[in-house]
Amino acid sequence: MINIDRLNDLPDHVIHKVLSFLYLKQAIQTCVLSKRWRFPWTSLPCLKFDSYRPQ
């Protein structure tokens, strides 16, 4: 079986676009997905600091 890692194959601009829809806390939590996702949240042009309350 072939192991396809689609998340790590995404270009930086797509990762930034995905993270831009998240609150800051959620964006930081994506760093556990893989080494590739460890630091992209630090270079986001716009961060949402609104309080996030999961339901």
C-alpha atoms as a PDB file:
ATOM      1  CA  MET A   1       0.000   0.000   0.000  1.00  0.00           C
ATOM      2  CA  ILE A   2       1.315   3.435  -0.910  1.00  0.00           C
ATOM      3  CA  ASN A   3       1.400   6.016   1.880  1.00  0.00           C
ATOM      4  CA  ILE A   4       0.296   9.374   0.445  1.00  0.00           C
ATOM      5  CA  ASP A   5       0.934  12.420   2.617  1.00  0.00           C
ATOM      6  CA  ARG A   6      -1.158  15.156   1.069  1.00  0.00           C
ATOM      7  CA  LEU A   7      -0.818  17.650   3.912  1.00  0.00           C
ATOM      8  CA  ASN A   8       2.944  17.888   3.625  1.00  0.00           C
ATOM      9  CA  ASP A   9       2.741  18.307  -0.139  1.00  0.00           C
ATOM     10  CA  LEU A  10       0.719  21.525   0.107  1.00  0.00           C
ATOM     11  CA  PRO A  11       2.575  24.699  -0.922  1.00  0.00           C
ATOM     12  CA  ASP A  12       3.171  27.383   1.718  1.00  0.00           C
ATOM     13  CA  HIS A  13       0.586  29.785   0.339  1.00  0.00           C
ATOM     14  CA  VAL A  14      -2.130  27.120   0.647  1.00  0.00           C
ATOM     15  CA  ILE A  15      -1.120  26.311   4.223  1.00  0.00           C
ATOM     16  CA  HIS A  16      -1.260  30.018   5.075  1.00  0.00           C
ATOM     17  CA  LYS A  17      -4.703  30.272   3.490  1.00  0.00           C
ATOM     18  CA  VAL A  18      -5.973  27.316   5.537  1.00  0.00           C
ATOM     19  CA  LEU A  19      -4.520  28.723   8.757  1.00  0.00           C
ATOM     20  CA  SER A  20      -5.943  32.175   8.073  1.00  0.00           C
ATOM     21  CA  PHE A  21      -9.449  30.806   8.662  1.00  0.00           C
ATOM     22  CA  LEU A  22      -8.560  29.587  12.155  1.00  0.00           C
ATOM     23  CA  TYR A  23      -8.339  31.326  15.498  1.00  0.00           C
ATOM     24  CA  LEU A  24      -4.820  31.771  16.855  1.00  0.00           C
ATOM     25  CA  LYS A  25      -5.070  28.879  19.307  1.00  0.00           C
ATOM     26  CA  GLN A  26      -6.320  26.523  16.595  1.00  0.00           C
ATOM     27  CA  ALA A  27      -3.594  27.635  14.184  1.00  0.00           C
ATOM     28  CA  ILE A  28      -0.917  26.940  16.796  1.00  0.00           C
ATOM     29  CA  GLN A  29      -2.395  23.494  17.452  1.00  0.00           C
ATOM     30  CA  THR A  30      -1.730  22.528  13.821  1.00  0.00           C
ATOM     31  CA  CYS A  31       1.994  22.380  14.624  1.00  0.00           C
ATOM     32  CA  VAL A  32       1.493  18.814  15.876  1.00  0.00           C
ATOM     33  CA  LEU A  33       0.345  17.588  12.453  1.00  0.00           C
ATOM     34  CA  SER A  34       3.895  17.167  11.168  1.00  0.00           C
ATOM     35  CA  LYS A  35       7.308  18.835  11.070  1.00  0.00           C
ATOM     36  CA  ARG A  36       6.213  20.654   7.923  1.00  0.00           C
ATOM     37  CA  TRP A  37       3.331  22.330   9.839  1.00  0.00           C
ATOM     38  CA  ARG A  38       5.435  23.236  12.872  1.00  0.00           C
ATOM     39  CA  PHE A  39       6.127  26.916  12.113  1.00  0.00           C
ATOM     40  CA  PRO A  40       3.866  28.202   9.298  1.00  0.00           C
ATOM     41  CA  TRP A  41       1.500  29.810  11.811  1.00  0.00           C
ATOM     42  CA  THR A  42       4.317  32.152  12.900  1.00  0.00           C
ATOM     43  CA  SER A  43       4.364  33.856   9.517  1.00  0.00           C
ATOM     44  CA  LEU A  44       0.645  34.439   9.094  1.00  0.00           C
ATOM     45  CA  PRO A  45      -0.094  37.972   7.903  1.00  0.00           C
ATOM     46  CA  CYS A  46      -3.289  38.190   9.970  1.00  0.00           C
ATOM     47  CA  LEU A  47      -3.987  36.517  13.316  1.00  0.00           C
ATOM     48  CA  LYS A  48      -7.407  36.158  14.938  1.00  0.00           C
ATOM     49  CA  PHE A  49      -7.124  36.900  18.646  1.00  0.00           C
ATOM     50  CA  ASP A  50     -10.842  36.507  19.334  1.00  0.00           C
ATOM     51  CA  SER A  51     -11.639  34.228  22.213  1.00  0.00           C
ATOM     52  CA  TYR A  52     -12.276  30.692  21.053  1.00  0.00           C
ATOM     53  CA  ARG A  53     -14.643  28.553  23.070  1.00  0.00           C
ATOM     54  CA  PRO A  54     -15.177  25.024  21.790  1.00  0.00           C
ATOM     55  CA  GLN A  55     -18.686  23.704  22.212  1.00  0.00           C
END
